[in-house]
Amino acid sequence: MTKPTSKEIALEIKSTCNRLGWTYEARATTLVIRKSFNSTKEAFVIADSEYYGILSLIPSTSAGSIFGTDGGGVGALAAMKSGVFEMKKTGCSKRVLSALNKLDTIK
């Protein structure tokens, strides 16, 4: 089995986000994903169960972490109040992030 290319990984992230209703933003070494939801516990739990599957698709190439409005802390209260679930992964592959940005510029 061959290792997927940066573009293939980027396409998988984009299609998974689209399928599950998430948006993404590729920064220097950070992937940010967001999902708007109606502020119910049920909708929050769905978002909380989906985010890791998306963030785990992008390889880490340096030290980093995953953080945001998940159910593990006070960020959950902010998400419930705003109706926006946001998670970030730092230390991401610059090549995959660049490929994500290029996908968004292709019309």
PDB file of N, CA and C in Angstrom:
ATOM      1  N   MET A   1       0.848  -1.176   0.000  1.00  0.00           N
ATOM      2  CA  MET A   1       0.000   0.000   0.000  1.00  0.00           C
ATOM      3  C   MET A   1       0.895   1.241   0.000  1.00  0.00           C
ATOM      4  N   THR A   2       0.590   2.158  -0.894  1.00  0.00           N
ATOM      5  CA  THR A   2       1.396   3.369  -0.979  1.00  0.00           C
ATOM      6  C   THR A   2       0.852   4.440  -0.043  1.00  0.00           C
ATOM      7  N   LYS A   3       1.749   5.281   0.400  1.00  0.00           N
ATOM      8  CA  LYS A   3       1.395   6.388   1.292  1.00  0.00           C
ATOM      9  C   LYS A   3       0.615   7.426   0.486  1.00  0.00           C
ATOM     10  N   PRO A   4      -0.508   7.936   1.028  1.00  0.00           N
ATOM     11  CA  PRO A   4      -1.276   8.945   0.272  1.00  0.00           C
ATOM     12  C   PRO A   4      -0.494  10.249   0.121  1.00  0.00           C
ATOM     13  N   THR A   5      -0.731  10.921  -0.986  1.00  0.00           N
ATOM     14  CA  THR A   5      -0.088  12.213  -1.232  1.00  0.00           C
ATOM     15  C   THR A   5      -0.778  13.296  -0.411  1.00  0.00           C
ATOM     16  N   SER A   6      -0.136  14.438  -0.314  1.00  0.00           N
ATOM     17  CA  SER A   6      -0.723  15.579   0.391  1.00  0.00           C
ATOM     18  C   SER A   6      -2.057  15.976  -0.226  1.00  0.00           C
ATOM     19  N   LYS A   7      -2.136  15.956  -1.547  1.00  0.00           N
ATOM     20  CA  LYS A   7      -3.384  16.311  -2.223  1.00  0.00           C
ATOM     21  C   LYS A   7      -4.482  15.298  -1.919  1.00  0.00           C
ATOM     22  N   GLU A   8      -4.139  14.017  -1.877  1.00  0.00           N
ATOM     23  CA  GLU A   8      -5.135  12.986  -1.562  1.00  0.00           C
ATOM     24  C   GLU A   8      -5.665  13.154  -0.144  1.00  0.00           C
ATOM     25  N   ILE A   9      -4.778  13.461   0.796  1.00  0.00           N
ATOM     26  CA  ILE A   9      -5.201  13.695   2.182  1.00  0.00           C
ATOM     27  C   ILE A   9      -6.099  14.932   2.245  1.00  0.00           C
ATOM     28  N   ALA A  10      -5.708  15.992   1.538  1.00  0.00           N
ATOM     29  CA  ALA A  10      -6.503  17.218   1.517  1.00  0.00           C
ATOM     30  C   ALA A  10      -7.897  16.955   0.947  1.00  0.00           C
ATOM     31  N   LEU A  11      -7.971  16.176  -0.115  1.00  0.00           N
ATOM     32  CA  LEU A  11      -9.268  15.838  -0.708  1.00  0.00           C
ATOM     33  C   LEU A  11     -10.136  15.048   0.269  1.00  0.00           C
ATOM     34  N   GLU A  12      -9.531  14.149   1.022  1.00  0.00           N
ATOM     35  CA  GLU A  12     -10.267  13.367   2.017  1.00  0.00           C
ATOM     36  C   GLU A  12     -10.792  14.267   3.129  1.00  0.00           C
ATOM     37  N   ILE A  13      -9.981  15.209   3.596  1.00  0.00           N
ATOM     38  CA  ILE A  13     -10.418  16.150   4.630  1.00  0.00           C
ATOM     39  C   ILE A  13     -11.583  16.988   4.110  1.00  0.00           C
ATOM     40  N   LYS A  14     -11.429  17.517   2.901  1.00  0.00           N
ATOM     41  CA  LYS A  14     -12.482  18.359   2.321  1.00  0.00           C
ATOM     42  C   LYS A  14     -13.777  17.583   2.156  1.00  0.00           C
ATOM     43  N   SER A  15     -13.703  16.366   1.633  1.00  0.00           N
ATOM     44  CA  SER A  15     -14.927  15.600   1.402  1.00  0.00           C
ATOM     45  C   SER A  15     -15.584  15.185   2.718  1.00  0.00           C
ATOM     46  N   THR A  16     -14.775  14.857   3.727  1.00  0.00           N
ATOM     47  CA  THR A  16     -15.335  14.498   5.032  1.00  0.00           C
ATOM     48  C   THR A  16     -16.012  15.704   5.669  1.00  0.00           C
ATOM     49  N   CYS A  17     -15.365  16.856   5.609  1.00  0.00           N
ATOM     50  CA  CYS A  17     -15.978  18.078   6.134  1.00  0.00           C
ATOM     51  C   CYS A  17     -17.299  18.368   5.427  1.00  0.00           C
ATOM     52  N   ASN A  18     -17.301  18.290   4.117  1.00  0.00           N
ATOM     53  CA  ASN A  18     -18.520  18.563   3.350  1.00  0.00           C
ATOM     54  C   ASN A  18     -19.630  17.581   3.707  1.00  0.00           C
ATOM     55  N   ARG A  19     -19.280  16.312   3.809  1.00  0.00           N
ATOM     56  CA  ARG A  19     -20.273  15.272   4.100  1.00  0.00           C
ATOM     57  C   ARG A  19     -20.900  15.455   5.475  1.00  0.00           C
ATOM     58  N   LEU A  20     -20.103  15.896   6.452  1.00  0.00           N
ATOM     59  CA  LEU A  20     -20.586  16.021   7.828  1.00  0.00           C
ATOM     60  C   LEU A  20     -21.045  17.434   8.193  1.00  0.00           C
ATOM     61  N   GLY A  21     -20.920  18.386   7.254  1.00  0.00           N
ATOM     62  CA  GLY A  21     -21.397  19.742   7.506  1.00  0.00           C
ATOM     63  C   GLY A  21     -20.428  20.646   8.241  1.00  0.00           C
ATOM     64  N   TRP A  22     -19.128  20.383   8.111  1.00  0.00           N
ATOM     65  CA  TRP A  22     -18.091  21.198   8.748  1.00  0.00           C
ATOM     66  C   TRP A  22     -17.454  22.108   7.707  1.00  0.00           C
ATOM     67  N   THR A  23     -16.922  23.246   8.163  1.00  0.00           N
ATOM     68  CA  THR A  23     -16.071  24.074   7.334  1.00  0.00           C
ATOM     69  C   THR A  23     -14.655  23.961   7.896  1.00  0.00           C
ATOM     70  N   TYR A  24     -13.681  24.336   7.096  1.00  0.00           N
ATOM     71  CA  TYR A  24     -12.303  24.267   7.574  1.00  0.00           C
ATOM     72  C   TYR A  24     -11.539  25.500   7.128  1.00  0.00           C
ATOM     73  N   GLU A  25     -10.465  25.758   7.857  1.00  0.00           N
ATOM     74  CA  GLU A  25      -9.546  26.852   7.532  1.00  0.00           C
ATOM     75  C   GLU A  25      -8.136  26.320   7.754  1.00  0.00           C
ATOM     76  N   ALA A  26      -7.323  26.389   6.712  1.00  0.00           N
ATOM     77  CA  ALA A  26      -5.934  25.930   6.788  1.00  0.00           C
ATOM     78  C   ALA A  26      -5.031  27.125   7.022  1.00  0.00           C
ATOM     79  N   ARG A  27      -4.347  27.129   8.150  1.00  0.00           N
ATOM     80  CA  ARG A  27      -3.407  28.195   8.495  1.00  0.00           C
ATOM     81  C   ARG A  27      -1.991  27.651   8.414  1.00  0.00           C
ATOM     82  N   ALA A  28      -1.005  28.417   8.836  1.00  0.00           N
ATOM     83  CA  ALA A  28       0.419  28.052   8.704  1.00  0.00           C
ATOM     84  C   ALA A  28       0.706  26.609   9.109  1.00  0.00           C
ATOM     85  N   THR A  29       0.436  26.232  10.333  1.00  0.00           N
ATOM     86  CA  THR A  29       0.620  24.846  10.786  1.00  0.00           C
ATOM     87  C   THR A  29      -0.598  24.373  11.570  1.00  0.00           C
ATOM     88  N   THR A  30      -1.750  25.022  11.328  1.00  0.00           N
ATOM     89  CA  THR A  30      -2.955  24.738  12.100  1.00  0.00           C
ATOM     90  C   THR A  30      -4.141  24.478  11.184  1.00  0.00           C
ATOM     91  N   LEU A  31      -4.904  23.446  11.510  1.00  0.00           N
ATOM     92  CA  LEU A  31      -6.171  23.189  10.837  1.00  0.00           C
ATOM     93  C   LEU A  31      -7.279  23.542  11.812  1.00  0.00           C
ATOM     94  N   VAL A  32      -8.173  24.428  11.384  1.00  0.00           N
ATOM     95  CA  VAL A  32      -9.322  24.842  12.194  1.00  0.00           C
ATOM     96  C   VAL A  32     -10.572  24.313  11.505  1.00  0.00           C
ATOM     97  N   ILE A  33     -11.433  23.634  12.275  1.00  0.00           N
ATOM     98  CA  ILE A  33     -12.699  23.167  11.722  1.00  0.00           C
ATOM     99  C   ILE A  33     -13.835  23.747  12.557  1.00  0.00           C
ATOM    100  N   ARG A  34     -14.968  24.053  11.880  1.00  0.00           N
ATOM    101  CA  ARG A  34     -16.125  24.649  12.549  1.00  0.00           C
ATOM    102  C   ARG A  34     -17.404  23.998  12.046  1.00  0.00           C
ATOM    103  N   LYS A  35     -18.346  23.896  12.961  1.00  0.00           N
ATOM    104  CA  LYS A  35     -19.674  23.402  12.593  1.00  0.00           C
ATOM    105  C   LYS A  35     -20.717  24.200  13.352  1.00  0.00           C
ATOM    106  N   SER A  36     -21.668  24.765  12.627  1.00  0.00           N
ATOM    107  CA  SER A  36     -22.800  25.434  13.257  1.00  0.00           C
ATOM    108  C   SER A  36     -23.851  24.383  13.574  1.00  0.00           C
ATOM    109  N   PHE A  37     -24.490  24.526  14.724  1.00  0.00           N
ATOM    110  CA  PHE A  37     -25.512  23.563  15.122  1.00  0.00           C
ATOM    111  C   PHE A  37     -26.564  24.282  15.955  1.00  0.00           C
ATOM    112  N   ASN A  38     -27.782  23.685  16.017  1.00  0.00           N
ATOM    113  CA  ASN A  38     -28.759  24.287  16.915  1.00  0.00           C
ATOM    114  C   ASN A  38     -28.328  23.911  18.321  1.00  0.00           C
ATOM    115  N   SER A  39     -28.414  24.808  19.213  1.00  0.00           N
ATOM    116  CA  SER A  39     -27.806  24.658  20.547  1.00  0.00           C
ATOM    117  C   SER A  39     -28.552  23.661  21.435  1.00  0.00           C
ATOM    118  N   THR A  40     -28.568  22.418  20.987  1.00  0.00           N
ATOM    119  CA  THR A  40     -29.145  21.351  21.804  1.00  0.00           C
ATOM    120  C   THR A  40     -28.039  20.412  22.230  1.00  0.00           C
ATOM    121  N   LYS A  41     -28.256  19.705  23.305  1.00  0.00           N
ATOM    122  CA  LYS A  41     -27.256  18.742  23.765  1.00  0.00           C
ATOM    123  C   LYS A  41     -27.035  17.652  22.722  1.00  0.00           C
ATOM    124  N   GLU A  42     -28.082  17.234  22.066  1.00  0.00           N
ATOM    125  CA  GLU A  42     -27.974  16.181  21.061  1.00  0.00           C
ATOM    126  C   GLU A  42     -27.077  16.615  19.899  1.00  0.00           C
ATOM    127  N   ALA A  43     -27.300  17.836  19.397  1.00  0.00           N
ATOM    128  CA  ALA A  43     -26.493  18.347  18.281  1.00  0.00           C
ATOM    129  C   ALA A  43     -25.041  18.551  18.717  1.00  0.00           C
ATOM    130  N   PHE A  44     -24.840  18.986  19.965  1.00  0.00           N
ATOM    131  CA  PHE A  44     -23.485  19.153  20.486  1.00  0.00           C
ATOM    132  C   PHE A  44     -22.764  17.805  20.542  1.00  0.00           C
ATOM    133  N   VAL A  45     -23.450  16.785  21.015  1.00  0.00           N
ATOM    134  CA  VAL A  45     -22.840  15.454  21.133  1.00  0.00           C
ATOM    135  C   VAL A  45     -22.452  14.910  19.758  1.00  0.00           C
ATOM    136  N   ILE A  46     -23.270  15.173  18.752  1.00  0.00           N
ATOM    137  CA  ILE A  46     -22.928  14.735  17.388  1.00  0.00           C
ATOM    138  C   ILE A  46     -21.644  15.412  16.927  1.00  0.00           C
ATOM    139  N   ALA A  47     -21.564  16.739  17.094  1.00  0.00           N
ATOM    140  CA  ALA A  47     -20.351  17.464  16.696  1.00  0.00           C
ATOM    141  C   ALA A  47     -19.145  16.977  17.492  1.00  0.00           C
ATOM    142  N   ASP A  48     -19.350  16.742  18.787  1.00  0.00           N
ATOM    143  CA  ASP A  48     -18.267  16.280  19.651  1.00  0.00           C
ATOM    144  C   ASP A  48     -17.765  14.902  19.227  1.00  0.00           C
ATOM    145  N   SER A  49     -18.643  14.108  18.636  1.00  0.00           N
ATOM    146  CA  SER A  49     -18.227  12.769  18.198  1.00  0.00           C
ATOM    147  C   SER A  49     -17.601  12.767  16.806  1.00  0.00           C
ATOM    148  N   GLU A  50     -17.780  13.841  16.046  1.00  0.00           N
ATOM    149  CA  GLU A  50     -17.277  13.897  14.671  1.00  0.00           C
ATOM    150  C   GLU A  50     -15.893  14.524  14.530  1.00  0.00           C
ATOM    151  N   TYR A  51     -15.572  15.510  15.354  1.00  0.00           N
ATOM    152  CA  TYR A  51     -14.390  16.340  15.092  1.00  0.00           C
ATOM    153  C   TYR A  51     -13.088  15.554  15.048  1.00  0.00           C
ATOM    154  N   TYR A  52     -12.922  14.588  15.936  1.00  0.00           N
ATOM    155  CA  TYR A  52     -11.643  13.885  15.984  1.00  0.00           C
ATOM    156  C   TYR A  52     -11.404  13.078  14.707  1.00  0.00           C
ATOM    157  N   GLY A  53     -12.463  12.542  14.147  1.00  0.00           N
ATOM    158  CA  GLY A  53     -12.329  11.802  12.892  1.00  0.00           C
ATOM    159  C   GLY A  53     -11.795  12.669  11.763  1.00  0.00           C
ATOM    160  N   ILE A  54     -12.148  13.945  11.779  1.00  0.00           N
ATOM    161  CA  ILE A  54     -11.646  14.872  10.761  1.00  0.00           C
ATOM    162  C   ILE A  54     -10.199  15.258  11.059  1.00  0.00           C
ATOM    163  N   LEU A  55      -9.949  15.691  12.291  1.00  0.00           N
ATOM    164  CA  LEU A  55      -8.600  16.150  12.642  1.00  0.00           C
ATOM    165  C   LEU A  55      -7.565  15.031  12.575  1.00  0.00           C
ATOM    166  N   SER A  56      -7.992  13.805  12.766  1.00  0.00           N
ATOM    167  CA  SER A  56      -7.038  12.691  12.707  1.00  0.00           C
ATOM    168  C   SER A  56      -6.585  12.384  11.285  1.00  0.00           C
ATOM    169  N   LEU A  57      -7.271  12.947  10.291  1.00  0.00           N
ATOM    170  CA  LEU A  57      -6.880  12.702   8.898  1.00  0.00           C
ATOM    171  C   LEU A  57      -5.585  13.410   8.521  1.00  0.00           C
ATOM    172  N   ILE A  58      -5.295  14.538   9.161  1.00  0.00           N
ATOM    173  CA  ILE A  58      -4.099  15.312   8.786  1.00  0.00           C
ATOM    174  C   ILE A  58      -2.922  14.883   9.658  1.00  0.00           C
ATOM    175  N   PRO A  59      -1.805  14.555   9.031  1.00  0.00           N
ATOM    176  CA  PRO A  59      -0.643  14.132   9.816  1.00  0.00           C
ATOM    177  C   PRO A  59      -0.005  15.293  10.591  1.00  0.00           C
ATOM    178  N   SER A  60       0.554  14.957  11.738  1.00  0.00           N
ATOM    179  CA  SER A  60       1.332  15.921  12.520  1.00  0.00           C
ATOM    180  C   SER A  60       2.793  15.794  12.104  1.00  0.00           C
ATOM    181  N   THR A  61       3.440  16.926  11.905  1.00  0.00           N
ATOM    182  CA  THR A  61       4.857  16.907  11.541  1.00  0.00           C
ATOM    183  C   THR A  61       5.716  17.622  12.569  1.00  0.00           C
ATOM    184  N   SER A  62       5.073  18.184  13.582  1.00  0.00           N
ATOM    185  CA  SER A  62       5.797  18.814  14.686  1.00  0.00           C
ATOM    186  C   SER A  62       4.904  18.731  15.924  1.00  0.00           C
ATOM    187  N   ALA A  63       5.474  19.106  17.061  1.00  0.00           N
ATOM    188  CA  ALA A  63       4.692  19.077  18.296  1.00  0.00           C
ATOM    189  C   ALA A  63       3.465  19.969  18.150  1.00  0.00           C
ATOM    190  N   GLY A  64       2.359  19.529  18.690  1.00  0.00           N
ATOM    191  CA  GLY A  64       1.134  20.308  18.604  1.00  0.00           C
ATOM    192  C   GLY A  64       0.086  19.735  19.529  1.00  0.00           C
ATOM    193  N   SER A  65      -1.117  20.262  19.419  1.00  0.00           N
ATOM    194  CA  SER A  65      -2.205  19.784  20.258  1.00  0.00           C
ATOM    195  C   SER A  65      -3.533  19.978  19.548  1.00  0.00           C
ATOM    196  N   ILE A  66      -4.568  19.410  20.150  1.00  0.00           N
ATOM    197  CA  ILE A  66      -5.940  19.563  19.671  1.00  0.00           C
ATOM    198  C   ILE A  66      -6.714  20.257  20.787  1.00  0.00           C
ATOM    199  N   PHE A  67      -7.393  21.349  20.440  1.00  0.00           N
ATOM    200  CA  PHE A  67      -8.131  22.089  21.460  1.00  0.00           C
ATOM    201  C   PHE A  67      -9.297  22.832  20.834  1.00  0.00           C
ATOM    202  N   GLY A  68     -10.238  23.237  21.674  1.00  0.00           N
ATOM    203  CA  GLY A  68     -11.385  23.993  21.189  1.00  0.00           C
ATOM    204  C   GLY A  68     -12.577  23.865  22.105  1.00  0.00           C
ATOM    205  N   THR A  69     -13.763  23.783  21.513  1.00  0.00           N
ATOM    206  CA  THR A  69     -15.008  23.816  22.272  1.00  0.00           C
ATOM    207  C   THR A  69     -15.606  22.429  22.483  1.00  0.00           C
ATOM    208  N   ASP A  70     -14.767  21.412  22.625  1.00  0.00           N
ATOM    209  CA  ASP A  70     -15.270  20.057  22.831  1.00  0.00           C
ATOM    210  C   ASP A  70     -15.829  19.897  24.247  1.00  0.00           C
ATOM    211  N   GLY A  71     -16.370  18.735  24.513  1.00  0.00           N
ATOM    212  CA  GLY A  71     -17.016  18.471  25.789  1.00  0.00           C
ATOM    213  C   GLY A  71     -16.075  18.295  26.955  1.00  0.00           C
ATOM    214  N   GLY A  72     -14.782  18.409  26.744  1.00  0.00           N
ATOM    215  CA  GLY A  72     -13.817  18.194  27.809  1.00  0.00           C
ATOM    216  C   GLY A  72     -13.525  19.394  28.686  1.00  0.00           C
ATOM    217  N   GLY A  73     -14.202  20.501  28.493  1.00  0.00           N
ATOM    218  CA  GLY A  73     -13.896  21.686  29.301  1.00  0.00           C
ATOM    219  C   GLY A  73     -14.942  22.766  29.159  1.00  0.00           C
ATOM    220  N   VAL A  74     -14.578  23.969  29.585  1.00  0.00           N
ATOM    221  CA  VAL A  74     -15.523  25.084  29.563  1.00  0.00           C
ATOM    222  C   VAL A  74     -15.854  25.554  28.148  1.00  0.00           C
ATOM    223  N   GLY A  75     -15.064  25.147  27.174  1.00  0.00           N
ATOM    224  CA  GLY A  75     -15.373  25.487  25.787  1.00  0.00           C
ATOM    225  C   GLY A  75     -16.729  24.970  25.357  1.00  0.00           C
ATOM    226  N   ALA A  76     -17.176  23.890  25.982  1.00  0.00           N
ATOM    227  CA  ALA A  76     -18.489  23.333  25.661  1.00  0.00           C
ATOM    228  C   ALA A  76     -19.595  24.343  25.950  1.00  0.00           C
ATOM    229  N   LEU A  77     -19.444  25.092  27.019  1.00  0.00           N
ATOM    230  CA  LEU A  77     -20.447  26.111  27.359  1.00  0.00           C
ATOM    231  C   LEU A  77     -20.498  27.199  26.292  1.00  0.00           C
ATOM    232  N   ALA A  78     -19.328  27.603  25.808  1.00  0.00           N
ATOM    233  CA  ALA A  78     -19.267  28.614  24.750  1.00  0.00           C
ATOM    234  C   ALA A  78     -19.923  28.092  23.478  1.00  0.00           C
ATOM    235  N   ALA A  79     -19.667  26.837  23.151  1.00  0.00           N
ATOM    236  CA  ALA A  79     -20.261  26.249  21.948  1.00  0.00           C
ATOM    237  C   ALA A  79     -21.777  26.172  22.067  1.00  0.00           C
ATOM    238  N   MET A  80     -22.270  25.757  23.220  1.00  0.00           N
ATOM    239  CA  MET A  80     -23.718  25.657  23.417  1.00  0.00           C
ATOM    240  C   MET A  80     -24.375  27.037  23.328  1.00  0.00           C
ATOM    241  N   LYS A  81     -23.704  28.040  23.846  1.00  0.00           N
ATOM    242  CA  LYS A  81     -24.261  29.394  23.821  1.00  0.00           C
ATOM    243  C   LYS A  81     -24.254  29.985  22.414  1.00  0.00           C
ATOM    244  N   SER A  82     -23.147  29.769  21.685  1.00  0.00           N
ATOM    245  CA  SER A  82     -23.002  30.382  20.354  1.00  0.00           C
ATOM    246  C   SER A  82     -23.585  29.541  19.224  1.00  0.00           C
ATOM    247  N   GLY A  83     -23.701  28.228  19.437  1.00  0.00           N
ATOM    248  CA  GLY A  83     -24.156  27.347  18.367  1.00  0.00           C
ATOM    249  C   GLY A  83     -23.069  27.051  17.344  1.00  0.00           C
ATOM    250  N   VAL A  84     -21.803  27.288  17.724  1.00  0.00           N
ATOM    251  CA  VAL A  84     -20.670  27.011  16.837  1.00  0.00           C
ATOM    252  C   VAL A  84     -19.667  26.141  17.588  1.00  0.00           C
ATOM    253  N   PHE A  85     -19.376  24.985  17.013  1.00  0.00           N
ATOM    254  CA  PHE A  85     -18.390  24.057  17.568  1.00  0.00           C
ATOM    255  C   PHE A  85     -17.111  24.272  16.774  1.00  0.00           C
ATOM    256  N   GLU A  86     -16.024  24.615  17.441  1.00  0.00           N
ATOM    257  CA  GLU A  86     -14.755  24.894  16.758  1.00  0.00           C
ATOM    258  C   GLU A  86     -13.623  24.124  17.415  1.00  0.00           C
ATOM    259  N   MET A  87     -12.837  23.450  16.593  1.00  0.00           N
ATOM    260  CA  MET A  87     -11.671  22.722  17.088  1.00  0.00           C
ATOM    261  C   MET A  87     -10.467  23.074  16.231  1.00  0.00           C
ATOM    262  N   LYS A  88      -9.282  23.023  16.856  1.00  0.00           N
ATOM    263  CA  LYS A  88      -8.034  23.337  16.172  1.00  0.00           C
ATOM    264  C   LYS A  88      -7.023  22.231  16.442  1.00  0.00           C
ATOM    265  N   LYS A  89      -6.237  21.933  15.427  1.00  0.00           N
ATOM    266  CA  LYS A  89      -5.105  21.019  15.586  1.00  0.00           C
ATOM    267  C   LYS A  89      -3.865  21.756  15.115  1.00  0.00           C
ATOM    268  N   THR A  90      -2.869  21.870  16.003  1.00  0.00           N
ATOM    269  CA  THR A  90      -1.618  22.523  15.654  1.00  0.00           C
ATOM    270  C   THR A  90      -0.553  21.477  15.371  1.00  0.00           C
ATOM    271  N   GLY A  91       0.537  21.903  14.741  1.00  0.00           N
ATOM    272  CA  GLY A  91       1.623  20.989  14.396  1.00  0.00           C
ATOM    273  C   GLY A  91       1.328  20.156  13.164  1.00  0.00           C
ATOM    274  N   CYS A  92       0.413  20.630  12.326  1.00  0.00           N
ATOM    275  CA  CYS A  92      -0.029  19.878  11.140  1.00  0.00           C
ATOM    276  C   CYS A  92       0.975  19.973   9.997  1.00  0.00           C
ATOM    277  N   SER A  93       0.877  19.022   9.091  1.00  0.00           N
ATOM    278  CA  SER A  93       1.703  19.000   7.888  1.00  0.00           C
ATOM    279  C   SER A  93       1.460  20.244   7.040  1.00  0.00           C
ATOM    280  N   LYS A  94       2.511  21.002   6.804  1.00  0.00           N
ATOM    281  CA  LYS A  94       2.399  22.204   5.977  1.00  0.00           C
ATOM    282  C   LYS A  94       2.020  21.850   4.541  1.00  0.00           C
ATOM    283  N   ARG A  95       2.474  20.717   4.073  1.00  0.00           N
ATOM    284  CA  ARG A  95       2.155  20.303   2.698  1.00  0.00           C
ATOM    285  C   ARG A  95       0.665  20.022   2.530  1.00  0.00           C
ATOM    286  N   VAL A  96       0.069  19.360   3.509  1.00  0.00           N
ATOM    287  CA  VAL A  96      -1.364  19.072   3.425  1.00  0.00           C
ATOM    288  C   VAL A  96      -2.166  20.368   3.565  1.00  0.00           C
ATOM    289  N   LEU A  97      -1.752  21.238   4.475  1.00  0.00           N
ATOM    290  CA  LEU A  97      -2.442  22.520   4.627  1.00  0.00           C
ATOM    291  C   LEU A  97      -2.359  23.346   3.345  1.00  0.00           C
ATOM    292  N   SER A  98      -1.204  23.341   2.716  1.00  0.00           N
ATOM    293  CA  SER A  98      -1.040  24.044   1.441  1.00  0.00           C
ATOM    294  C   SER A  98      -1.949  23.435   0.370  1.00  0.00           C
ATOM    295  N   ALA A  99      -2.032  22.114   0.345  1.00  0.00           N
ATOM    296  CA  ALA A  99      -2.904  21.439  -0.621  1.00  0.00           C
ATOM    297  C   ALA A  99      -4.370  21.792  -0.369  1.00  0.00           C
ATOM    298  N   LEU A 100      -4.769  21.909   0.893  1.00  0.00           N
ATOM    299  CA  LEU A 100      -6.134  22.331   1.214  1.00  0.00           C
ATOM    300  C   LEU A 100      -6.406  23.731   0.687  1.00  0.00           C
ATOM    301  N   ASN A 101      -5.469  24.634   0.888  1.00  0.00           N
ATOM    302  CA  ASN A 101      -5.635  25.998   0.392  1.00  0.00           C
ATOM    303  C   ASN A 101      -5.713  26.034  -1.131  1.00  0.00           C
ATOM    304  N   LYS A 102      -4.944  25.198  -1.801  1.00  0.00           N
ATOM    305  CA  LYS A 102      -4.994  25.154  -3.262  1.00  0.00           C
ATOM    306  C   LYS A 102      -6.317  24.599  -3.748  1.00  0.00           C
ATOM    307  N   LEU A 103      -6.897  23.639  -3.041  1.00  0.00           N
ATOM    308  CA  LEU A 103      -8.210  23.108  -3.423  1.00  0.00           C
ATOM    309  C   LEU A 103      -9.255  24.204  -3.412  1.00  0.00           C
ATOM    310  N   ASP A 104      -9.154  25.106  -2.446  1.00  0.00           N
ATOM    311  CA  ASP A 104     -10.141  26.167  -2.312  1.00  0.00           C
ATOM    312  C   ASP A 104      -9.992  27.253  -3.373  1.00  0.00           C
ATOM    313  N   THR A 105      -8.841  27.350  -4.007  1.00  0.00           N
ATOM    314  CA  THR A 105      -8.652  28.386  -5.028  1.00  0.00           C
ATOM    315  C   THR A 105      -8.982  27.868  -6.420  1.00  0.00           C
ATOM    316  N   ILE A 106      -9.153  26.574  -6.571  1.00  0.00           N
ATOM    317  CA  ILE A 106      -9.505  25.998  -7.872  1.00  0.00           C
ATOM    318  C   ILE A 106     -11.004  26.123  -8.059  1.00  0.00           C
ATOM    319  N   LYS A 107     -11.400  26.723  -9.157  1.00  0.00           N
ATOM    320  CA  LYS A 107     -12.831  26.906  -9.427  1.00  0.00           C
ATOM    321  C   LYS A 107     -13.311  25.881 -10.418  1.00  0.00           C
TER     322      LYS A 107
END
